[in-house]
Amino acid sequence: MKRQTNVLLAALIAGALTSVSAASFAQTAASGPTTADQKASKEQTKADKKAAVAQAKADKKKTEAQSEANEATADAKVKNAKKAE
């Protein structure tokens, strides 16, 4: 009987320590962002801004090129219309 009591107590103590350890770890992990997390976030924000600027520049160049192509097409249509007269 004494052996069973010791085994039971050992199991209860082990379970209690495991719960305390898990709670302590969870509290530490959820305490907030670390310096590395903040630095990574800042770097990601910078990269996102650079990507947005690059995309805007590419869109502008594409729009300008399309505008020039449309103008060239219009000029060609005018020439063809004059030749047809």
C-alpha atoms as a PDB file:
ATOM      1  CA  MET A   1       0.000   0.000   0.000  1.00  0.00           C
ATOM      2  CA  LYS A   2       2.830   2.365   0.837  1.00  0.00           C
ATOM      3  CA  ARG A   3       4.416   1.793  -2.579  1.00  0.00           C
ATOM      4  CA  GLN A   4       1.175   2.692  -4.369  1.00  0.00           C
ATOM      5  CA  THR A   5       0.885   5.869  -2.327  1.00  0.00           C
ATOM      6  CA  ASN A   6       4.452   6.848  -3.216  1.00  0.00           C
ATOM      7  CA  VAL A   7       3.829   6.186  -6.921  1.00  0.00           C
ATOM      8  CA  LEU A   8       0.623   8.210  -6.792  1.00  0.00           C
ATOM      9  CA  LEU A   9       2.323  11.103  -5.006  1.00  0.00           C
ATOM     10  CA  ALA A  10       5.206  11.046  -7.471  1.00  0.00           C
ATOM     11  CA  ALA A  11       2.764  11.165 -10.372  1.00  0.00           C
ATOM     12  CA  LEU A  12       0.838  14.060  -8.838  1.00  0.00           C
ATOM     13  CA  ILE A  13       4.021  16.019  -8.152  1.00  0.00           C
ATOM     14  CA  ALA A  14       5.307  15.395 -11.677  1.00  0.00           C
ATOM     15  CA  GLY A  15       1.991  16.513 -13.140  1.00  0.00           C
ATOM     16  CA  ALA A  16       1.969  19.654 -11.015  1.00  0.00           C
ATOM     17  CA  LEU A  17       5.522  20.550 -12.026  1.00  0.00           C
ATOM     18  CA  THR A  18       4.708  19.995 -15.678  1.00  0.00           C
ATOM     19  CA  SER A  19       1.698  22.315 -15.430  1.00  0.00           C
ATOM     20  CA  VAL A  20       3.761  24.996 -13.717  1.00  0.00           C
ATOM     21  CA  SER A  21       6.513  24.704 -16.332  1.00  0.00           C
ATOM     22  CA  ALA A  22       4.032  24.903 -19.207  1.00  0.00           C
ATOM     23  CA  ALA A  23       2.320  27.937 -17.686  1.00  0.00           C
ATOM     24  CA  SER A  24       5.652  29.640 -17.102  1.00  0.00           C
ATOM     25  CA  PHE A  25       6.763  28.983 -20.673  1.00  0.00           C
ATOM     26  CA  ALA A  26       3.457  30.184 -22.099  1.00  0.00           C
ATOM     27  CA  GLN A  27       3.711  33.393 -20.110  1.00  0.00           C
ATOM     28  CA  THR A  28       7.265  33.983 -21.315  1.00  0.00           C
ATOM     29  CA  ALA A  29       6.424  33.220 -24.934  1.00  0.00           C
ATOM     30  CA  ALA A  30       3.419  35.515 -24.949  1.00  0.00           C
ATOM     31  CA  SER A  31       5.164  38.423 -23.213  1.00  0.00           C
ATOM     32  CA  GLY A  32       5.513  40.343 -26.477  1.00  0.00           C
ATOM     33  CA  PRO A  33       7.745  40.792 -29.471  1.00  0.00           C
ATOM     34  CA  THR A  34      11.469  40.558 -28.980  1.00  0.00           C
ATOM     35  CA  THR A  35      14.018  43.021 -30.277  1.00  0.00           C
ATOM     36  CA  ALA A  36      14.718  40.671 -33.177  1.00  0.00           C
ATOM     37  CA  ASP A  37      11.006  40.544 -34.025  1.00  0.00           C
ATOM     38  CA  GLN A  38      10.791  44.333 -33.960  1.00  0.00           C
ATOM     39  CA  LYS A  39      13.879  44.686 -36.147  1.00  0.00           C
ATOM     40  CA  ALA A  40      12.537  42.125 -38.607  1.00  0.00           C
ATOM     41  CA  SER A  41       9.213  43.932 -38.717  1.00  0.00           C
ATOM     42  CA  LYS A  42      10.939  47.245 -39.390  1.00  0.00           C
ATOM     43  CA  GLU A  43      13.044  45.689 -42.156  1.00  0.00           C
ATOM     44  CA  GLN A  44       9.926  44.110 -43.684  1.00  0.00           C
ATOM     45  CA  THR A  45       8.190  47.502 -43.671  1.00  0.00           C
ATOM     46  CA  LYS A  46      11.173  49.062 -45.466  1.00  0.00           C
ATOM     47  CA  ALA A  47      11.180  46.255 -48.032  1.00  0.00           C
ATOM     48  CA  ASP A  48       7.427  46.644 -48.580  1.00  0.00           C
ATOM     49  CA  LYS A  49       7.845  50.392 -49.184  1.00  0.00           C
ATOM     50  CA  LYS A  50      10.681  49.807 -51.659  1.00  0.00           C
ATOM     51  CA  ALA A  51       8.596  47.216 -53.476  1.00  0.00           C
ATOM     52  CA  ALA A  52       5.628  49.599 -53.640  1.00  0.00           C
ATOM     53  CA  VAL A  53       7.817  52.360 -55.100  1.00  0.00           C
ATOM     54  CA  ALA A  54       9.349  49.982 -57.638  1.00  0.00           C
ATOM     55  CA  GLN A  55       5.881  48.746 -58.641  1.00  0.00           C
ATOM     56  CA  ALA A  56       4.622  52.319 -59.043  1.00  0.00           C
ATOM     57  CA  LYS A  57       7.608  53.189 -61.246  1.00  0.00           C
ATOM     58  CA  ALA A  58       7.054  50.085 -63.361  1.00  0.00           C
ATOM     59  CA  ASP A  59       3.348  50.908 -63.711  1.00  0.00           C
ATOM     60  CA  LYS A  60       4.224  54.465 -64.771  1.00  0.00           C
ATOM     61  CA  LYS A  61       6.674  53.230 -67.417  1.00  0.00           C
ATOM     62  CA  LYS A  62       4.110  50.734 -68.678  1.00  0.00           C
ATOM     63  CA  THR A  63       1.444  53.431 -68.902  1.00  0.00           C
ATOM     64  CA  GLU A  64       3.813  55.779 -70.744  1.00  0.00           C
ATOM     65  CA  ALA A  65       4.836  53.036 -73.165  1.00  0.00           C
ATOM     66  CA  GLN A  66       1.204  52.131 -73.811  1.00  0.00           C
ATOM     67  CA  SER A  67       0.387  55.799 -74.386  1.00  0.00           C
ATOM     68  CA  GLU A  68       3.231  56.100 -76.893  1.00  0.00           C
ATOM     69  CA  ALA A  69       2.070  52.940 -78.652  1.00  0.00           C
ATOM     70  CA  ASN A  70      -1.486  54.278 -78.839  1.00  0.00           C
ATOM     71  CA  GLU A  71      -0.193  57.582 -80.250  1.00  0.00           C
ATOM     72  CA  ALA A  72       1.871  55.758 -82.871  1.00  0.00           C
ATOM     73  CA  THR A  73      -1.168  53.698 -83.845  1.00  0.00           C
ATOM     74  CA  ALA A  74      -3.267  56.844 -84.167  1.00  0.00           C
ATOM     75  CA  ASP A  75      -0.579  58.509 -86.334  1.00  0.00           C
ATOM     76  CA  ALA A  76      -0.443  55.438 -88.583  1.00  0.00           C
ATOM     77  CA  LYS A  77      -4.232  55.505 -88.982  1.00  0.00           C
ATOM     78  CA  VAL A  78      -4.090  59.200 -89.956  1.00  0.00           C
ATOM     79  CA  LYS A  79      -1.374  58.478 -92.557  1.00  0.00           C
ATOM     80  CA  ASN A  80      -3.366  55.596 -93.982  1.00  0.00           C
ATOM     81  CA  ALA A  81      -6.490  57.727 -94.145  1.00  0.00           C
ATOM     82  CA  LYS A  82      -4.582  60.487 -96.021  1.00  0.00           C
ATOM     83  CA  LYS A  83      -3.195  57.938 -98.487  1.00  0.00           C
ATOM     84  CA  ALA A  84      -6.671  56.613 -99.134  1.00  0.00           C
ATOM     85  CA  GLU A  85      -7.950  60.066-100.175  1.00  0.00           C
END
